[in-house]
PDB file of all heavy atoms in Angstrom:
ATOM      1  N   ARG A   1     -62.240  -9.328  32.476  1.00  0.00           N
ATOM      2  CA  ARG A   1     -63.557  -8.700  32.530  1.00  0.00           C
ATOM      3  C   ARG A   1     -63.500  -7.318  33.174  1.00  0.00           C
ATOM      4  O   ARG A   1     -64.440  -6.532  33.049  1.00  0.00           O
ATOM      5  CB  ARG A   1     -64.541  -9.609  33.274  1.00  0.00           C
ATOM      6  CG  ARG A   1     -65.055 -10.758  32.417  1.00  0.00           C
ATOM      7  CD  ARG A   1     -66.296 -11.389  33.016  1.00  0.00           C
ATOM      8  NE  ARG A   1     -66.001 -12.197  34.183  1.00  0.00           N
ATOM      9  CZ  ARG A   1     -65.685 -13.487  34.143  1.00  0.00           C
ATOM     10  NH1 ARG A   1     -65.595 -14.098  32.964  1.00  0.00           N
ATOM     11  NH2 ARG A   1     -65.445 -14.158  35.251  1.00  0.00           N
ATOM     12  N   ARG A   2     -62.402  -7.058  33.865  1.00  0.00           N
ATOM     13  CA  ARG A   2     -62.202  -5.733  34.463  1.00  0.00           C
ATOM     14  C   ARG A   2     -61.587  -4.749  33.474  1.00  0.00           C
ATOM     15  O   ARG A   2     -61.321  -3.605  33.834  1.00  0.00           O
ATOM     16  CB  ARG A   2     -61.289  -5.847  35.687  1.00  0.00           C
ATOM     17  CG  ARG A   2     -61.878  -6.660  36.832  1.00  0.00           C
ATOM     18  CD  ARG A   2     -62.912  -5.863  37.561  1.00  0.00           C
ATOM     19  NE  ARG A   2     -63.544  -6.626  38.632  1.00  0.00           N
ATOM     20  CZ  ARG A   2     -64.632  -6.229  39.278  1.00  0.00           C
ATOM     21  NH1 ARG A   2     -65.193  -5.087  38.938  1.00  0.00           N
ATOM     22  NH2 ARG A   2     -65.159  -6.956  40.218  1.00  0.00           N
ATOM     23  N   MET A   3     -61.367  -5.180  32.252  1.00  0.00           N
ATOM     24  CA  MET A   3     -60.665  -4.345  31.282  1.00  0.00           C
ATOM     25  C   MET A   3     -61.470  -4.184  29.999  1.00  0.00           C
ATOM     26  O   MET A   3     -62.161  -5.100  29.564  1.00  0.00           O
ATOM     27  CB  MET A   3     -59.303  -4.959  30.933  1.00  0.00           C
ATOM     28  CG  MET A   3     -58.346  -5.010  32.098  1.00  0.00           C
ATOM     29  SD  MET A   3     -56.709  -5.606  31.577  1.00  0.00           S
ATOM     30  CE  MET A   3     -55.766  -5.289  33.084  1.00  0.00           C
ATOM     31  N   GLY A   4     -61.354  -2.998  29.421  1.00  0.00           N
ATOM     32  CA  GLY A   4     -61.823  -2.767  28.070  1.00  0.00           C
ATOM     33  C   GLY A   4     -60.611  -2.390  27.234  1.00  0.00           C
ATOM     34  O   GLY A   4     -59.730  -1.681  27.727  1.00  0.00           O
ATOM     35  N   ALA A   5     -60.538  -2.863  25.999  1.00  0.00           N
ATOM     36  CA  ALA A   5     -59.307  -2.639  25.238  1.00  0.00           C
ATOM     37  C   ALA A   5     -59.585  -2.532  23.751  1.00  0.00           C
ATOM     38  O   ALA A   5     -60.496  -3.166  23.214  1.00  0.00           O
ATOM     39  CB  ALA A   5     -58.301  -3.758  25.496  1.00  0.00           C
ATOM     40  N   VAL A   6     -58.781  -1.698  23.109  1.00  0.00           N
ATOM     41  CA  VAL A   6     -58.691  -1.649  21.648  1.00  0.00           C
ATOM     42  C   VAL A   6     -57.239  -1.911  21.306  1.00  0.00           C
ATOM     43  O   VAL A   6     -56.347  -1.192  21.768  1.00  0.00           O
ATOM     44  CB  VAL A   6     -59.110  -0.280  21.088  1.00  0.00           C
ATOM     45  CG1 VAL A   6     -58.957  -0.271  19.567  1.00  0.00           C
ATOM     46  CG2 VAL A   6     -60.538   0.054  21.477  1.00  0.00           C
ATOM     47  N   PHE A   7     -56.993  -2.961  20.536  1.00  0.00           N
ATOM     48  CA  PHE A   7     -55.628  -3.309  20.179  1.00  0.00           C
ATOM     49  C   PHE A   7     -55.289  -2.755  18.802  1.00  0.00           C
ATOM     50  O   PHE A   7     -56.163  -2.516  17.971  1.00  0.00           O
ATOM     51  CB  PHE A   7     -55.437  -4.826  20.197  1.00  0.00           C
ATOM     52  CG  PHE A   7     -55.582  -5.423  21.570  1.00  0.00           C
ATOM     53  CD1 PHE A   7     -56.732  -6.125  21.904  1.00  0.00           C
ATOM     54  CD2 PHE A   7     -54.587  -5.267  22.521  1.00  0.00           C
ATOM     55  CE1 PHE A   7     -56.873  -6.668  23.170  1.00  0.00           C
ATOM     56  CE2 PHE A   7     -54.726  -5.810  23.790  1.00  0.00           C
ATOM     57  CZ  PHE A   7     -55.873  -6.507  24.117  1.00  0.00           C
ATOM     58  N   GLN A   8     -53.995  -2.575  18.596  1.00  0.00           N
ATOM     59  CA  GLN A   8     -53.524  -2.043  17.326  1.00  0.00           C
ATOM     60  C   GLN A   8     -53.959  -2.939  16.173  1.00  0.00           C
ATOM     61  O   GLN A   8     -54.334  -2.476  15.098  1.00  0.00           O
ATOM     62  CB  GLN A   8     -52.007  -1.896  17.369  1.00  0.00           C
ATOM     63  CG  GLN A   8     -51.418  -1.169  16.181  1.00  0.00           C
ATOM     64  CD  GLN A   8     -49.934  -0.920  16.376  1.00  0.00           C
ATOM     65  OE1 GLN A   8     -49.336  -1.382  17.333  1.00  0.00           O
ATOM     66  NE2 GLN A   8     -49.332  -0.195  15.458  1.00  0.00           N
ATOM     67  N   THR A   9     -53.908  -4.249  16.399  1.00  0.00           N
ATOM     68  CA  THR A   9     -54.368  -5.210  15.394  1.00  0.00           C
ATOM     69  C   THR A   9     -55.767  -5.691  15.794  1.00  0.00           C
ATOM     70  O   THR A   9     -55.935  -6.801  16.280  1.00  0.00           O
ATOM     71  CB  THR A   9     -53.398  -6.403  15.295  1.00  0.00           C
ATOM     72  OG1 THR A   9     -53.196  -6.954  16.619  1.00  0.00           O
ATOM     73  CG2 THR A   9     -52.055  -5.958  14.755  1.00  0.00           C
ATOM     74  N   PHE A  10     -56.754  -4.814  15.614  1.00  0.00           N
ATOM     75  CA  PHE A  10     -58.119  -5.137  16.014  1.00  0.00           C
ATOM     76  C   PHE A  10     -58.759  -6.089  15.011  1.00  0.00           C
ATOM     77  O   PHE A  10     -58.290  -6.239  13.884  1.00  0.00           O
ATOM     78  CB  PHE A  10     -58.953  -3.864  16.140  1.00  0.00           C
ATOM     79  CG  PHE A  10     -59.001  -3.045  14.884  1.00  0.00           C
ATOM     80  CD1 PHE A  10     -59.941  -3.300  13.909  1.00  0.00           C
ATOM     81  CD2 PHE A  10     -58.094  -2.020  14.670  1.00  0.00           C
ATOM     82  CE1 PHE A  10     -59.982  -2.552  12.733  1.00  0.00           C
ATOM     83  CE2 PHE A  10     -58.129  -1.262  13.510  1.00  0.00           C
ATOM     84  CZ  PHE A  10     -59.074  -1.536  12.543  1.00  0.00           C
ATOM     85  N   MET A  11     -59.853  -6.717  15.432  1.00  0.00           N
ATOM     86  CA  MET A  11     -60.536  -7.699  14.605  1.00  0.00           C
ATOM     87  C   MET A  11     -61.753  -7.097  13.931  1.00  0.00           C
ATOM     88  O   MET A  11     -62.413  -6.206  14.465  1.00  0.00           O
ATOM     89  CB  MET A  11     -60.981  -8.895  15.455  1.00  0.00           C
ATOM     90  CG  MET A  11     -59.856  -9.804  15.872  1.00  0.00           C
ATOM     91  SD  MET A  11     -59.065 -10.603  14.447  1.00  0.00           S
ATOM     92  CE  MET A  11     -60.444 -11.541  13.779  1.00  0.00           C
ATOM     93  N   SER A  12     -62.055  -7.584  12.736  1.00  0.00           N
ATOM     94  CA  SER A  12     -63.313  -7.294  12.056  1.00  0.00           C
ATOM     95  C   SER A  12     -64.018  -8.623  11.846  1.00  0.00           C
ATOM     96  O   SER A  12     -63.483  -9.524  11.205  1.00  0.00           O
ATOM     97  CB  SER A  12     -63.056  -6.594  10.717  1.00  0.00           C
ATOM     98  OG  SER A  12     -62.172  -7.348   9.909  1.00  0.00           O
ATOM     99  N   TYR A  13     -65.203  -8.753  12.430  1.00  0.00           N
ATOM    100  CA  TYR A  13     -65.915 -10.030  12.425  1.00  0.00           C
ATOM    101  C   TYR A  13     -67.015 -10.029  11.360  1.00  0.00           C
ATOM    102  O   TYR A  13     -67.660  -9.000  11.109  1.00  0.00           O
ATOM    103  CB  TYR A  13     -66.543 -10.294  13.795  1.00  0.00           C
ATOM    104  CG  TYR A  13     -65.541 -10.399  14.915  1.00  0.00           C
ATOM    105  CD1 TYR A  13     -65.276  -9.301  15.728  1.00  0.00           C
ATOM    106  CD2 TYR A  13     -64.843 -11.570  15.158  1.00  0.00           C
ATOM    107  CE1 TYR A  13     -64.359  -9.382  16.766  1.00  0.00           C
ATOM    108  CE2 TYR A  13     -63.922 -11.666  16.191  1.00  0.00           C
ATOM    109  CZ  TYR A  13     -63.683 -10.564  16.981  1.00  0.00           C
ATOM    110  OH  TYR A  13     -62.767 -10.648  18.010  1.00  0.00           O
ATOM    111  N   ASP A  14     -67.240 -11.176  10.754  1.00  0.00           N
ATOM    112  CA  ASP A  14     -68.322 -11.335   9.783  1.00  0.00           C
ATOM    113  C   ASP A  14     -69.638 -11.528  10.542  1.00  0.00           C
ATOM    114  O   ASP A  14     -70.274 -12.585  10.485  1.00  0.00           O
ATOM    115  CB  ASP A  14     -68.045 -12.517   8.852  1.00  0.00           C
ATOM    116  CG  ASP A  14     -66.904 -12.228   7.899  1.00  0.00           C
ATOM    117  OD1 ASP A  14     -66.853 -11.111   7.357  1.00  0.00           O
ATOM    118  OD2 ASP A  14     -66.057 -13.109   7.703  1.00  0.00           O
ATOM    119  N   LEU A  15     -70.018 -10.469  11.255  1.00  0.00           N
ATOM    120  CA  LEU A  15     -71.252 -10.440  12.026  1.00  0.00           C
ATOM    121  C   LEU A  15     -71.994  -9.164  11.656  1.00  0.00           C
ATOM    122  O   LEU A  15     -71.507  -8.348  10.878  1.00  0.00           O
ATOM    123  CB  LEU A  15     -70.948 -10.453  13.527  1.00  0.00           C
ATOM    124  CG  LEU A  15     -70.126 -11.626  14.070  1.00  0.00           C
ATOM    125  CD1 LEU A  15     -69.726 -11.364  15.518  1.00  0.00           C
ATOM    126  CD2 LEU A  15     -70.925 -12.922  13.973  1.00  0.00           C
ATOM    127  N   THR A  16     -73.170  -8.973  12.214  1.00  0.00           N
ATOM    128  CA  THR A  16     -73.880  -7.717  11.975  1.00  0.00           C
ATOM    129  C   THR A  16     -73.149  -6.587  12.704  1.00  0.00           C
ATOM    130  O   THR A  16     -72.324  -6.823  13.591  1.00  0.00           O
ATOM    131  CB  THR A  16     -75.315  -7.790  12.485  1.00  0.00           C
ATOM    132  OG1 THR A  16     -75.297  -7.905  13.914  1.00  0.00           O
ATOM    133  CG2 THR A  16     -76.062  -8.961  11.873  1.00  0.00           C
ATOM    134  N   ALA A  17     -73.488  -5.348  12.330  1.00  0.00           N
ATOM    135  CA  ALA A  17     -72.861  -4.205  12.985  1.00  0.00           C
ATOM    136  C   ALA A  17     -73.146  -4.221  14.485  1.00  0.00           C
ATOM    137  O   ALA A  17     -72.253  -3.968  15.305  1.00  0.00           O
ATOM    138  CB  ALA A  17     -73.374  -2.908  12.359  1.00  0.00           C
ATOM    139  N   ALA A  18     -74.393  -4.529  14.847  1.00  0.00           N
ATOM    140  CA  ALA A  18     -74.752  -4.580  16.265  1.00  0.00           C
ATOM    141  C   ALA A  18     -73.967  -5.657  16.997  1.00  0.00           C
ATOM    142  O   ALA A  18     -73.483  -5.448  18.123  1.00  0.00           O
ATOM    143  CB  ALA A  18     -76.251  -4.818  16.419  1.00  0.00           C
ATOM    144  N   GLU A  19     -73.807  -6.807  16.367  1.00  0.00           N
ATOM    145  CA  GLU A  19     -73.061  -7.897  17.011  1.00  0.00           C
ATOM    146  C   GLU A  19     -71.582  -7.555  17.115  1.00  0.00           C
ATOM    147  O   GLU A  19     -70.933  -7.894  18.113  1.00  0.00           O
ATOM    148  CB  GLU A  19     -73.262  -9.188  16.230  1.00  0.00           C
ATOM    149  CG  GLU A  19     -74.654  -9.772  16.344  1.00  0.00           C
ATOM    150  CD  GLU A  19     -74.896 -10.915  15.387  1.00  0.00           C
ATOM    151  OE1 GLU A  19     -74.268 -10.954  14.308  1.00  0.00           O
ATOM    152  OE2 GLU A  19     -75.732 -11.781  15.700  1.00  0.00           O
ATOM    153  N   ASN A  20     -71.029  -6.923  16.103  1.00  0.00           N
ATOM    154  CA  ASN A  20     -69.616  -6.537  16.146  1.00  0.00           C
ATOM    155  C   ASN A  20     -69.328  -5.646  17.339  1.00  0.00           C
ATOM    156  O   ASN A  20     -68.230  -5.694  17.902  1.00  0.00           O
ATOM    157  CB  ASN A  20     -69.220  -5.816  14.852  1.00  0.00           C
ATOM    158  CG  ASN A  20     -68.501  -6.726  13.880  1.00  0.00           C
ATOM    159  OD1 ASN A  20     -67.329  -7.039  14.047  1.00  0.00           O
ATOM    160  ND2 ASN A  20     -69.226  -7.183  12.868  1.00  0.00           N
ATOM    161  N   ILE A  21     -70.276  -4.827  17.730  1.00  0.00           N
ATOM    162  CA  ILE A  21     -70.101  -3.958  18.892  1.00  0.00           C
ATOM    163  C   ILE A  21     -70.499  -4.688  20.169  1.00  0.00           C
ATOM    164  O   ILE A  21     -69.774  -4.670  21.170  1.00  0.00           O
ATOM    165  CB  ILE A  21     -70.937  -2.679  18.723  1.00  0.00           C
ATOM    166  CG1 ILE A  21     -70.427  -1.870  17.527  1.00  0.00           C
ATOM    167  CG2 ILE A  21     -70.891  -1.822  19.995  1.00  0.00           C
ATOM    168  CD1 ILE A  21     -71.311  -0.697  17.148  1.00  0.00           C
ATOM    169  N   GLY A  22     -71.647  -5.358  20.141  1.00  0.00           N
ATOM    170  CA  GLY A  22     -72.201  -5.975  21.345  1.00  0.00           C
ATOM    171  C   GLY A  22     -71.344  -7.049  21.957  1.00  0.00           C
ATOM    172  O   GLY A  22     -71.379  -7.264  23.180  1.00  0.00           O
ATOM    173  N   ILE A  23     -70.523  -7.751  21.135  1.00  0.00           N
ATOM    174  CA  ILE A  23     -69.709  -8.828  21.702  1.00  0.00           C
ATOM    175  C   ILE A  23     -68.628  -8.293  22.638  1.00  0.00           C
ATOM    176  O   ILE A  23     -67.974  -9.068  23.330  1.00  0.00           O
ATOM    177  CB  ILE A  23     -69.055  -9.685  20.604  1.00  0.00           C
ATOM    178  CG1 ILE A  23     -68.190  -8.828  19.672  1.00  0.00           C
ATOM    179  CG2 ILE A  23     -70.108 -10.450  19.823  1.00  0.00           C
ATOM    180  CD1 ILE A  23     -67.428  -9.642  18.639  1.00  0.00           C
ATOM    181  N   GLY A  24     -68.472  -6.968  22.700  1.00  0.00           N
ATOM    182  CA  GLY A  24     -67.549  -6.409  23.681  1.00  0.00           C
ATOM    183  C   GLY A  24     -68.004  -6.665  25.103  1.00  0.00           C
ATOM    184  O   GLY A  24     -67.207  -6.625  26.042  1.00  0.00           O
ATOM    185  N   ASP A  25     -69.301  -6.926  25.281  1.00  0.00           N
ATOM    186  CA  ASP A  25     -69.856  -7.285  26.594  1.00  0.00           C
ATOM    187  C   ASP A  25     -70.986  -8.262  26.333  1.00  0.00           C
ATOM    188  O   ASP A  25     -72.146  -7.878  26.167  1.00  0.00           O
ATOM    189  CB  ASP A  25     -70.351  -6.026  27.310  1.00  0.00           C
ATOM    190  CG  ASP A  25     -70.764  -6.303  28.747  1.00  0.00           C
ATOM    191  OD1 ASP A  25     -70.538  -7.436  29.221  1.00  0.00           O
ATOM    192  OD2 ASP A  25     -71.319  -5.392  29.390  1.00  0.00           O
ATOM    193  N   LEU A  26     -70.644  -9.552  26.267  1.00  0.00           N
ATOM    194  CA  LEU A  26     -71.602 -10.569  25.820  1.00  0.00           C
ATOM    195  C   LEU A  26     -72.939 -10.545  26.552  1.00  0.00           C
ATOM    196  O   LEU A  26     -73.979 -10.728  25.918  1.00  0.00           O
ATOM    197  CB  LEU A  26     -70.971 -11.959  25.928  1.00  0.00           C
ATOM    198  CG  LEU A  26     -70.093 -12.388  24.742  1.00  0.00           C
ATOM    199  CD1 LEU A  26     -69.493 -13.762  24.998  1.00  0.00           C
ATOM    200  CD2 LEU A  26     -70.888 -12.376  23.449  1.00  0.00           C
ATOM    201  N   PRO A  27     -72.974 -10.346  27.877  1.00  0.00           N
ATOM    202  CA  PRO A  27     -74.289 -10.310  28.535  1.00  0.00           C
ATOM    203  C   PRO A  27     -75.200  -9.211  27.987  1.00  0.00           C
ATOM    204  O   PRO A  27     -76.420  -9.300  28.100  1.00  0.00           O
ATOM    205  CB  PRO A  27     -73.933 -10.058  30.013  1.00  0.00           C
ATOM    206  CG  PRO A  27     -72.551 -10.612  30.165  1.00  0.00           C
ATOM    207  CD  PRO A  27     -71.878 -10.309  28.864  1.00  0.00           C
ATOM    208  N   ALA A  28     -74.605  -8.165  27.392  1.00  0.00           N
ATOM    209  CA  ALA A  28     -75.404  -7.060  26.852  1.00  0.00           C
ATOM    210  C   ALA A  28     -75.512  -7.126  25.333  1.00  0.00           C
ATOM    211  O   ALA A  28     -75.861  -6.134  24.699  1.00  0.00           O
ATOM    212  CB  ALA A  28     -74.793  -5.725  27.278  1.00  0.00           C
ATOM    213  N   LEU A  29     -75.229  -8.291  24.742  1.00  0.00           N
ATOM    214  CA  LEU A  29     -75.225  -8.409  23.283  1.00  0.00           C
ATOM    215  C   LEU A  29     -76.545  -7.977  22.664  1.00  0.00           C
ATOM    216  O   LEU A  29     -76.574  -7.343  21.610  1.00  0.00           O
ATOM    217  CB  LEU A  29     -74.906  -9.859  22.882  1.00  0.00           C
ATOM    218  CG  LEU A  29     -74.896 -10.170  21.379  1.00  0.00           C
ATOM    219  CD1 LEU A  29     -73.829  -9.342  20.669  1.00  0.00           C
ATOM    220  CD2 LEU A  29     -74.667 -11.663  21.145  1.00  0.00           C
ATOM    221  N   GLY A  30     -77.651  -8.286  23.315  1.00  0.00           N
ATOM    222  CA  GLY A  30     -78.963  -7.941  22.771  1.00  0.00           C
ATOM    223  C   GLY A  30     -79.492  -6.597  23.231  1.00  0.00           C
ATOM    224  O   GLY A  30     -80.625  -6.240  22.899  1.00  0.00           O
TER     225      GLY A  30
END
């Protein structure tokens, strides 16, 4: 939780655009 990261093999999720970004910090998803 102390780290933010982008990995070379990043994921693309079958979610909305907002959810694809928001899940980077679940408490702030909405």
